[in-house]
Amino acid sequence: MDATPLRDAYRALLDAAATVADSGDTNPVPPAGEWNAEQILAHVAIVNAATIAAISCVAAGANTTYDNRMAHDTWTIERVITLAGGNAGLQDRIRHQGDALCALGGPMLSEAELDTLVPTLLLSNGKVLVDQTVPLRDLITGLAEVELPGHTKQLLALLPDGAGAGAEAM
């Protein structure tokens, strides 16, 4: 499996996180009902950890499931922010997790492992998006094509009016 799209998605997310952190606004206020930058990054770090766990189980020949509910839990998000040491620590964690996922999801897994069906529950904004078995490869490509780009846009939306448009084109 080609890890280039996943690597590119992590690069874009981390560039957006750095742009927001360097914007001079020490704590950009998100729109009502949205997360701030640290909460977005903590959510991504939790999703990454769950994905790494699922991939590791498949590589070990064990059964696994994938459930992103903890990545939406307010207490868990705040705990991850604290444990990582805030924004800079979260960015560093995500960078390392991205490297691990690109290595694990790329050349390490066989086609049969990538095709392993994983019982999956994915929620977003309190709504069920997926509640069925999906191939492990779809969890990985979902990060690259949906999850990370969505949170990249969410981060850039925290920039002052107009500043996010130019950064998004990077």
N, C-alpha and C. Protein backbone atom coordinates (compact mmCIF):
# COMPACT_ATOMS: atom_id res chain seq x y z
N MET A 1 0.85 -1.18 0.00
CA MET A 1 0.00 0.00 0.00
C MET A 1 0.90 1.24 0.00
N ASP A 2 0.60 2.15 -0.87
CA ASP A 2 1.38 3.39 -0.99
C ASP A 2 1.02 4.32 0.16
N ALA A 3 2.00 4.68 0.96
CA ALA A 3 1.77 5.54 2.12
C ALA A 3 1.88 7.02 1.78
N THR A 4 2.15 7.37 0.53
CA THR A 4 2.34 8.77 0.16
C THR A 4 1.12 9.64 0.48
N PRO A 5 -0.11 9.23 0.14
CA PRO A 5 -1.26 10.09 0.48
C PRO A 5 -1.40 10.31 1.99
N LEU A 6 -1.11 9.28 2.77
CA LEU A 6 -1.20 9.42 4.23
C LEU A 6 -0.11 10.37 4.73
N ARG A 7 1.08 10.22 4.23
CA ARG A 7 2.19 11.10 4.62
C ARG A 7 1.86 12.55 4.25
N ASP A 8 1.30 12.75 3.06
CA ASP A 8 0.93 14.10 2.62
C ASP A 8 -0.17 14.69 3.52
N ALA A 9 -1.12 13.87 3.91
CA ALA A 9 -2.21 14.34 4.77
C ALA A 9 -1.68 14.74 6.15
N TYR A 10 -0.73 13.98 6.68
CA TYR A 10 -0.12 14.36 7.96
C TYR A 10 0.67 15.65 7.82
N ARG A 11 1.40 15.79 6.73
CA ARG A 11 2.18 17.01 6.52
C ARG A 11 1.24 18.22 6.48
N ALA A 12 0.14 18.12 5.75
CA ALA A 12 -0.81 19.24 5.66
C ALA A 12 -1.42 19.56 7.02
N LEU A 13 -1.79 18.53 7.77
CA LEU A 13 -2.37 18.75 9.10
C LEU A 13 -1.36 19.45 10.01
N LEU A 14 -0.13 18.96 10.03
CA LEU A 14 0.88 19.54 10.91
C LEU A 14 1.26 20.95 10.47
N ASP A 15 1.27 21.21 9.16
CA ASP A 15 1.51 22.57 8.68
C ASP A 15 0.40 23.50 9.14
N ALA A 16 -0.85 23.03 9.06
CA ALA A 16 -1.98 23.84 9.53
C ALA A 16 -1.89 24.09 11.03
N ALA A 17 -1.54 23.06 11.79
CA ALA A 17 -1.40 23.21 13.25
C ALA A 17 -0.32 24.23 13.58
N ALA A 18 0.80 24.17 12.87
CA ALA A 18 1.88 25.14 13.10
C ALA A 18 1.45 26.54 12.71
N THR A 19 0.72 26.67 11.62
CA THR A 19 0.24 27.97 11.17
C THR A 19 -0.69 28.59 12.21
N VAL A 20 -1.58 27.80 12.75
CA VAL A 20 -2.49 28.29 13.79
C VAL A 20 -1.70 28.66 15.04
N ALA A 21 -0.77 27.80 15.44
CA ALA A 21 0.02 28.07 16.65
C ALA A 21 0.88 29.32 16.49
N ASP A 22 1.36 29.59 15.27
CA ASP A 22 2.23 30.73 15.01
C ASP A 22 1.47 32.00 14.62
N SER A 23 0.14 31.93 14.64
CA SER A 23 -0.67 33.06 14.16
C SER A 23 -0.65 34.26 15.10
N GLY A 24 -0.11 34.08 16.29
CA GLY A 24 -0.09 35.18 17.24
C GLY A 24 -1.29 35.17 18.17
N ASP A 25 -2.32 34.45 17.80
CA ASP A 25 -3.49 34.31 18.66
C ASP A 25 -3.22 33.09 19.54
N THR A 26 -2.95 33.33 20.82
CA THR A 26 -2.51 32.25 21.69
C THR A 26 -3.57 31.18 21.90
N ASN A 27 -4.82 31.50 21.74
CA ASN A 27 -5.87 30.50 21.90
C ASN A 27 -7.05 30.89 21.02
N PRO A 28 -6.93 30.64 19.70
CA PRO A 28 -8.03 31.03 18.81
C PRO A 28 -9.35 30.40 19.25
N VAL A 29 -10.38 31.20 19.28
CA VAL A 29 -11.69 30.73 19.73
C VAL A 29 -12.41 30.06 18.56
N PRO A 30 -12.80 28.82 18.75
CA PRO A 30 -13.51 28.12 17.67
C PRO A 30 -14.96 28.60 17.58
N PRO A 31 -15.59 28.35 16.43
CA PRO A 31 -17.02 28.64 16.33
C PRO A 31 -17.79 27.82 17.37
N ALA A 32 -18.97 28.27 17.72
CA ALA A 32 -19.79 27.58 18.72
C ALA A 32 -19.94 26.10 18.36
N GLY A 33 -19.71 25.25 19.34
CA GLY A 33 -19.87 23.82 19.16
C GLY A 33 -18.67 23.12 18.53
N GLU A 34 -17.63 23.88 18.19
CA GLU A 34 -16.42 23.32 17.58
C GLU A 34 -15.31 23.22 18.62
N TRP A 35 -14.25 22.50 18.28
CA TRP A 35 -13.10 22.34 19.17
C TRP A 35 -12.06 23.43 18.90
N ASN A 36 -11.25 23.69 19.95
CA ASN A 36 -10.09 24.57 19.76
C ASN A 36 -8.95 23.72 19.16
N ALA A 37 -7.83 24.36 18.87
CA ALA A 37 -6.72 23.66 18.20
C ALA A 37 -6.21 22.47 19.01
N GLU A 38 -6.03 22.65 20.31
CA GLU A 38 -5.54 21.54 21.13
C GLU A 38 -6.52 20.38 21.15
N GLN A 39 -7.80 20.68 21.23
CA GLN A 39 -8.80 19.61 21.23
C GLN A 39 -8.83 18.86 19.90
N ILE A 40 -8.67 19.58 18.80
CA ILE A 40 -8.61 18.93 17.48
C ILE A 40 -7.40 18.01 17.43
N LEU A 41 -6.25 18.50 17.87
CA LEU A 41 -5.03 17.70 17.82
C LEU A 41 -5.11 16.50 18.75
N ALA A 42 -5.70 16.67 19.92
CA ALA A 42 -5.85 15.54 20.84
C ALA A 42 -6.77 14.49 20.22
N HIS A 43 -7.85 14.92 19.60
CA HIS A 43 -8.76 14.00 18.92
C HIS A 43 -7.99 13.20 17.86
N VAL A 44 -7.20 13.88 17.05
CA VAL A 44 -6.42 13.20 16.01
C VAL A 44 -5.43 12.22 16.65
N ALA A 45 -4.79 12.61 17.74
CA ALA A 45 -3.84 11.72 18.41
C ALA A 45 -4.53 10.46 18.92
N ILE A 46 -5.74 10.59 19.42
CA ILE A 46 -6.49 9.42 19.91
C ILE A 46 -6.89 8.53 18.73
N VAL A 47 -7.35 9.13 17.65
CA VAL A 47 -7.70 8.36 16.45
C VAL A 47 -6.46 7.61 15.94
N ASN A 48 -5.32 8.30 15.92
CA ASN A 48 -4.08 7.67 15.49
C ASN A 48 -3.74 6.47 16.37
N ALA A 49 -3.85 6.64 17.67
CA ALA A 49 -3.52 5.55 18.60
C ALA A 49 -4.42 4.35 18.38
N ALA A 50 -5.71 4.60 18.15
CA ALA A 50 -6.65 3.50 17.89
C ALA A 50 -6.32 2.80 16.58
N THR A 51 -5.90 3.57 15.59
CA THR A 51 -5.54 2.98 14.29
C THR A 51 -4.26 2.16 14.40
N ILE A 52 -3.28 2.68 15.12
CA ILE A 52 -2.04 1.93 15.35
C ILE A 52 -2.35 0.63 16.07
N ALA A 53 -3.23 0.68 17.07
CA ALA A 53 -3.61 -0.52 17.82
C ALA A 53 -4.27 -1.55 16.90
N ALA A 54 -5.17 -1.10 16.04
CA ALA A 54 -5.86 -2.03 15.13
C ALA A 54 -4.87 -2.66 14.15
N ILE A 55 -3.99 -1.85 13.59
CA ILE A 55 -2.99 -2.38 12.65
C ILE A 55 -2.08 -3.38 13.36
N SER A 56 -1.66 -3.05 14.57
CA SER A 56 -0.77 -3.94 15.32
C SER A 56 -1.44 -5.27 15.62
N CYS A 57 -2.71 -5.24 15.97
CA CYS A 57 -3.44 -6.49 16.23
C CYS A 57 -3.49 -7.35 14.97
N VAL A 58 -3.82 -6.74 13.84
CA VAL A 58 -3.89 -7.50 12.59
C VAL A 58 -2.52 -8.07 12.26
N ALA A 59 -1.47 -7.28 12.42
CA ALA A 59 -0.11 -7.75 12.12
C ALA A 59 0.31 -8.89 13.05
N ALA A 60 -0.27 -8.93 14.25
CA ALA A 60 0.04 -9.99 15.21
C ALA A 60 -0.87 -11.20 15.03
N GLY A 61 -1.76 -11.14 14.05
CA GLY A 61 -2.67 -12.26 13.80
C GLY A 61 -3.84 -12.32 14.75
N ALA A 62 -4.07 -11.24 15.48
CA ALA A 62 -5.15 -11.22 16.47
C ALA A 62 -6.39 -10.54 15.89
N ASN A 63 -7.53 -10.83 16.47
CA ASN A 63 -8.76 -10.15 16.11
C ASN A 63 -8.73 -8.75 16.70
N THR A 64 -9.40 -7.82 16.03
CA THR A 64 -9.44 -6.46 16.51
C THR A 64 -10.77 -5.82 16.14
N THR A 65 -11.04 -4.70 16.75
CA THR A 65 -12.18 -3.86 16.39
C THR A 65 -11.65 -2.44 16.29
N TYR A 66 -12.47 -1.56 15.72
CA TYR A 66 -12.11 -0.15 15.62
C TYR A 66 -13.33 0.67 16.03
N ASP A 67 -13.14 1.51 17.04
CA ASP A 67 -14.24 2.28 17.61
C ASP A 67 -13.68 3.65 17.98
N ASN A 68 -14.18 4.70 17.37
CA ASN A 68 -13.61 6.03 17.61
C ASN A 68 -14.34 6.84 18.69
N ARG A 69 -15.21 6.21 19.46
CA ARG A 69 -15.97 6.98 20.47
C ARG A 69 -15.08 7.66 21.50
N MET A 70 -13.99 7.04 21.91
CA MET A 70 -13.12 7.66 22.91
C MET A 70 -12.48 8.94 22.36
N ALA A 71 -12.31 9.01 21.06
CA ALA A 71 -11.72 10.19 20.44
C ALA A 71 -12.66 11.39 20.46
N HIS A 72 -13.90 11.18 20.89
CA HIS A 72 -14.89 12.25 21.01
C HIS A 72 -15.21 12.57 22.47
N ASP A 73 -14.65 11.81 23.38
CA ASP A 73 -14.93 11.97 24.81
C ASP A 73 -14.17 13.18 25.37
N THR A 74 -14.88 14.14 25.91
CA THR A 74 -14.29 15.39 26.39
C THR A 74 -13.21 15.15 27.45
N TRP A 75 -13.49 14.29 28.42
CA TRP A 75 -12.53 14.02 29.48
C TRP A 75 -11.25 13.42 28.89
N THR A 76 -11.40 12.47 27.98
CA THR A 76 -10.23 11.82 27.37
C THR A 76 -9.43 12.82 26.55
N ILE A 77 -10.11 13.65 25.79
CA ILE A 77 -9.42 14.67 25.00
C ILE A 77 -8.61 15.59 25.90
N GLU A 78 -9.21 16.08 26.98
CA GLU A 78 -8.50 16.98 27.89
C GLU A 78 -7.32 16.27 28.57
N ARG A 79 -7.48 15.00 28.89
CA ARG A 79 -6.39 14.23 29.51
C ARG A 79 -5.23 14.08 28.53
N VAL A 80 -5.51 13.80 27.28
CA VAL A 80 -4.45 13.66 26.27
C VAL A 80 -3.73 14.99 26.09
N ILE A 81 -4.46 16.10 26.09
CA ILE A 81 -3.83 17.43 25.99
C ILE A 81 -2.84 17.61 27.13
N THR A 82 -3.27 17.29 28.35
CA THR A 82 -2.42 17.44 29.52
C THR A 82 -1.21 16.51 29.45
N LEU A 83 -1.44 15.25 29.13
CA LEU A 83 -0.35 14.27 29.09
C LEU A 83 0.68 14.60 28.01
N ALA A 84 0.22 15.14 26.88
CA ALA A 84 1.12 15.47 25.78
C ALA A 84 1.86 16.79 26.02
N GLY A 85 1.37 17.59 26.96
CA GLY A 85 2.02 18.86 27.25
C GLY A 85 1.53 20.01 26.39
N GLY A 86 0.30 19.91 25.90
CA GLY A 86 -0.28 21.01 25.12
C GLY A 86 -0.02 20.89 23.64
N ASN A 87 -0.17 22.01 22.96
CA ASN A 87 -0.15 22.05 21.51
C ASN A 87 1.15 21.50 20.91
N ALA A 88 2.29 21.97 21.38
CA ALA A 88 3.57 21.52 20.82
C ALA A 88 3.77 20.02 21.03
N GLY A 89 3.42 19.55 22.20
CA GLY A 89 3.54 18.12 22.48
C GLY A 89 2.60 17.29 21.63
N LEU A 90 1.40 17.80 21.40
CA LEU A 90 0.44 17.10 20.54
C LEU A 90 0.95 17.04 19.10
N GLN A 91 1.49 18.15 18.61
CA GLN A 91 2.04 18.14 17.25
C GLN A 91 3.17 17.13 17.13
N ASP A 92 4.03 17.08 18.13
CA ASP A 92 5.14 16.13 18.11
C ASP A 92 4.61 14.69 18.14
N ARG A 93 3.63 14.44 18.99
CA ARG A 93 3.03 13.11 19.08
C ARG A 93 2.42 12.70 17.75
N ILE A 94 1.67 13.60 17.14
CA ILE A 94 1.02 13.29 15.86
C ILE A 94 2.07 13.04 14.77
N ARG A 95 3.16 13.81 14.79
CA ARG A 95 4.24 13.61 13.81
C ARG A 95 4.78 12.18 13.93
N HIS A 96 5.06 11.75 15.14
CA HIS A 96 5.59 10.40 15.36
C HIS A 96 4.54 9.32 15.04
N GLN A 97 3.31 9.56 15.42
CA GLN A 97 2.25 8.61 15.09
C GLN A 97 2.09 8.49 13.57
N GLY A 98 2.16 9.62 12.88
CA GLY A 98 2.07 9.61 11.43
C GLY A 98 3.19 8.80 10.80
N ASP A 99 4.41 8.98 11.32
CA ASP A 99 5.54 8.18 10.83
C ASP A 99 5.28 6.70 11.05
N ALA A 100 4.77 6.37 12.23
CA ALA A 100 4.49 4.96 12.54
C ALA A 100 3.40 4.40 11.63
N LEU A 101 2.34 5.17 11.43
CA LEU A 101 1.24 4.69 10.59
C LEU A 101 1.67 4.55 9.13
N CYS A 102 2.53 5.43 8.66
CA CYS A 102 3.02 5.30 7.29
C CYS A 102 3.89 4.06 7.14
N ALA A 103 4.67 3.75 8.17
CA ALA A 103 5.50 2.54 8.13
C ALA A 103 4.64 1.29 8.30
N LEU A 104 3.72 1.32 9.25
CA LEU A 104 2.88 0.14 9.51
C LEU A 104 1.89 -0.12 8.38
N GLY A 105 1.25 0.92 7.90
CA GLY A 105 0.22 0.76 6.88
C GLY A 105 0.78 0.67 5.48
N GLY A 106 2.03 0.98 5.34
CA GLY A 106 2.65 0.93 4.02
C GLY A 106 3.21 -0.45 3.72
N PRO A 107 4.52 -0.56 3.66
CA PRO A 107 5.15 -1.81 3.20
C PRO A 107 5.10 -2.97 4.19
N MET A 108 4.79 -2.71 5.44
CA MET A 108 4.85 -3.78 6.44
C MET A 108 3.75 -4.81 6.27
N LEU A 109 2.56 -4.39 5.92
CA LEU A 109 1.41 -5.30 5.87
C LEU A 109 1.26 -5.95 4.50
N SER A 110 0.87 -7.20 4.51
CA SER A 110 0.58 -7.91 3.26
C SER A 110 -0.79 -7.48 2.76
N GLU A 111 -1.07 -7.80 1.51
CA GLU A 111 -2.39 -7.50 0.94
C GLU A 111 -3.49 -8.21 1.73
N ALA A 112 -3.22 -9.45 2.17
CA ALA A 112 -4.21 -10.19 2.96
C ALA A 112 -4.48 -9.48 4.28
N GLU A 113 -3.44 -8.94 4.91
CA GLU A 113 -3.64 -8.22 6.16
C GLU A 113 -4.43 -6.93 5.92
N LEU A 114 -4.10 -6.23 4.86
CA LEU A 114 -4.82 -5.00 4.53
C LEU A 114 -6.29 -5.27 4.21
N ASP A 115 -6.58 -6.47 3.72
CA ASP A 115 -7.96 -6.85 3.40
C ASP A 115 -8.71 -7.44 4.60
N THR A 116 -8.05 -7.56 5.75
CA THR A 116 -8.70 -8.09 6.95
C THR A 116 -9.91 -7.22 7.31
N LEU A 117 -11.04 -7.88 7.50
CA LEU A 117 -12.25 -7.15 7.88
C LEU A 117 -12.23 -6.82 9.37
N VAL A 118 -12.47 -5.57 9.68
CA VAL A 118 -12.43 -5.08 11.05
C VAL A 118 -13.81 -4.54 11.42
N PRO A 119 -14.45 -5.11 12.45
CA PRO A 119 -15.72 -4.51 12.92
C PRO A 119 -15.45 -3.06 13.35
N THR A 120 -16.18 -2.13 12.74
CA THR A 120 -15.86 -0.71 12.89
C THR A 120 -17.09 0.09 13.29
N LEU A 121 -16.89 0.99 14.25
CA LEU A 121 -17.90 1.96 14.64
C LEU A 121 -17.25 3.34 14.57
N LEU A 122 -17.73 4.17 13.65
CA LEU A 122 -17.22 5.53 13.48
C LEU A 122 -18.34 6.52 13.69
N LEU A 123 -18.10 7.47 14.58
CA LEU A 123 -19.06 8.53 14.83
C LEU A 123 -18.45 9.88 14.48
N SER A 124 -19.30 10.83 14.15
CA SER A 124 -18.89 12.21 13.95
C SER A 124 -20.06 13.09 14.35
N ASN A 125 -19.78 14.05 15.22
CA ASN A 125 -20.83 14.96 15.71
C ASN A 125 -22.04 14.21 16.26
N GLY A 126 -21.77 13.10 16.96
CA GLY A 126 -22.85 12.34 17.58
C GLY A 126 -23.64 11.47 16.63
N LYS A 127 -23.25 11.41 15.37
CA LYS A 127 -23.97 10.60 14.38
C LYS A 127 -23.10 9.44 13.94
N VAL A 128 -23.73 8.28 13.76
CA VAL A 128 -23.02 7.10 13.29
C VAL A 128 -22.75 7.25 11.79
N LEU A 129 -21.47 7.17 11.43
CA LEU A 129 -21.09 7.20 10.01
C LEU A 129 -20.91 5.79 9.47
N VAL A 130 -20.31 4.94 10.29
CA VAL A 130 -20.04 3.56 9.88
C VAL A 130 -20.31 2.66 11.08
N ASP A 131 -21.05 1.58 10.84
CA ASP A 131 -21.28 0.55 11.85
C ASP A 131 -21.34 -0.79 11.11
N GLN A 132 -20.17 -1.24 10.67
CA GLN A 132 -20.08 -2.47 9.90
C GLN A 132 -18.61 -2.89 9.82
N THR A 133 -18.35 -4.05 9.27
CA THR A 133 -16.96 -4.45 9.07
C THR A 133 -16.42 -3.75 7.83
N VAL A 134 -15.18 -3.31 7.93
CA VAL A 134 -14.50 -2.68 6.79
C VAL A 134 -13.09 -3.24 6.70
N PRO A 135 -12.53 -3.29 5.51
CA PRO A 135 -11.14 -3.74 5.39
C PRO A 135 -10.21 -2.77 6.12
N LEU A 136 -9.18 -3.31 6.73
CA LEU A 136 -8.20 -2.49 7.43
C LEU A 136 -7.68 -1.37 6.53
N ARG A 137 -7.45 -1.67 5.26
CA ARG A 137 -6.94 -0.66 4.33
C ARG A 137 -7.87 0.55 4.27
N ASP A 138 -9.18 0.35 4.44
CA ASP A 138 -10.12 1.47 4.39
C ASP A 138 -9.98 2.38 5.61
N LEU A 139 -9.60 1.82 6.74
CA LEU A 139 -9.33 2.65 7.91
C LEU A 139 -8.14 3.56 7.65
N ILE A 140 -7.12 3.00 6.99
CA ILE A 140 -5.91 3.77 6.70
C ILE A 140 -6.19 4.83 5.64
N THR A 141 -6.85 4.43 4.56
CA THR A 141 -7.15 5.41 3.51
C THR A 141 -8.16 6.46 4.00
N GLY A 142 -9.03 6.07 4.93
CA GLY A 142 -9.97 7.02 5.51
C GLY A 142 -9.25 8.13 6.26
N LEU A 143 -8.16 7.78 6.93
CA LEU A 143 -7.35 8.81 7.59
C LEU A 143 -6.83 9.81 6.55
N ALA A 144 -6.26 9.28 5.47
CA ALA A 144 -5.64 10.12 4.46
C ALA A 144 -6.64 10.95 3.67
N GLU A 145 -7.80 10.38 3.39
CA GLU A 145 -8.75 11.03 2.49
C GLU A 145 -9.84 11.84 3.19
N VAL A 146 -10.16 11.49 4.44
CA VAL A 146 -11.30 12.15 5.10
C VAL A 146 -10.90 12.76 6.45
N GLU A 147 -10.42 11.93 7.36
CA GLU A 147 -10.17 12.36 8.74
C GLU A 147 -9.15 13.50 8.82
N LEU A 148 -7.97 13.28 8.30
CA LEU A 148 -6.93 14.30 8.42
C LEU A 148 -7.25 15.57 7.61
N PRO A 149 -7.70 15.45 6.36
CA PRO A 149 -8.07 16.69 5.64
C PRO A 149 -9.20 17.47 6.33
N GLY A 150 -10.16 16.75 6.90
CA GLY A 150 -11.25 17.43 7.60
C GLY A 150 -10.75 18.22 8.79
N HIS A 151 -9.82 17.64 9.54
CA HIS A 151 -9.29 18.36 10.70
C HIS A 151 -8.29 19.43 10.31
N THR A 152 -7.65 19.27 9.15
CA THR A 152 -6.80 20.34 8.63
C THR A 152 -7.65 21.58 8.35
N LYS A 153 -8.77 21.39 7.69
CA LYS A 153 -9.68 22.51 7.41
C LYS A 153 -10.23 23.10 8.71
N GLN A 154 -10.52 22.24 9.66
CA GLN A 154 -11.04 22.70 10.95
C GLN A 154 -10.00 23.58 11.66
N LEU A 155 -8.74 23.19 11.60
CA LEU A 155 -7.68 24.00 12.19
C LEU A 155 -7.56 25.34 11.48
N LEU A 156 -7.53 25.31 10.16
CA LEU A 156 -7.37 26.55 9.39
C LEU A 156 -8.54 27.50 9.60
N ALA A 157 -9.71 26.97 9.91
CA ALA A 157 -10.88 27.82 10.17
C ALA A 157 -10.71 28.62 11.46
N LEU A 158 -9.74 28.24 12.29
CA LEU A 158 -9.48 28.97 13.53
C LEU A 158 -8.67 30.25 13.30
N LEU A 159 -8.08 30.37 12.12
CA LEU A 159 -7.27 31.56 11.83
C LEU A 159 -8.17 32.78 11.66
N PRO A 160 -7.61 33.96 11.91
CA PRO A 160 -8.41 35.19 11.70
C PRO A 160 -8.94 35.23 10.27
N ASP A 161 -10.01 35.94 10.06
CA ASP A 161 -10.66 36.03 8.73
C ASP A 161 -9.64 36.22 7.63
N GLY A 162 -9.73 35.36 6.63
CA GLY A 162 -8.88 35.47 5.45
C GLY A 162 -7.54 34.77 5.57
N ALA A 163 -7.04 34.59 6.78
CA ALA A 163 -5.71 34.00 6.94
C ALA A 163 -5.70 32.51 6.59
N GLY A 164 -6.81 31.81 6.82
CA GLY A 164 -6.85 30.38 6.56
C GLY A 164 -6.89 30.03 5.09
N ALA A 165 -7.40 30.92 4.25
CA ALA A 165 -7.53 30.62 2.83
C ALA A 165 -6.18 30.44 2.18
N GLY A 166 -5.22 31.32 2.49
CA GLY A 166 -3.90 31.21 1.92
C GLY A 166 -3.15 30.01 2.46
N ALA A 167 -3.31 29.73 3.73
CA ALA A 167 -2.62 28.58 4.34
C ALA A 167 -3.16 27.28 3.81
N GLU A 168 -4.45 27.25 3.51
CA GLU A 168 -5.07 26.01 3.03
C GLU A 168 -4.51 25.61 1.67
N ALA A 169 -4.09 26.58 0.88
CA ALA A 169 -3.59 26.28 -0.45
C ALA A 169 -2.17 25.72 -0.41
N MET A 170 -1.53 25.72 0.77
CA MET A 170 -0.15 25.24 0.89
C MET A 170 -0.05 23.78 0.60
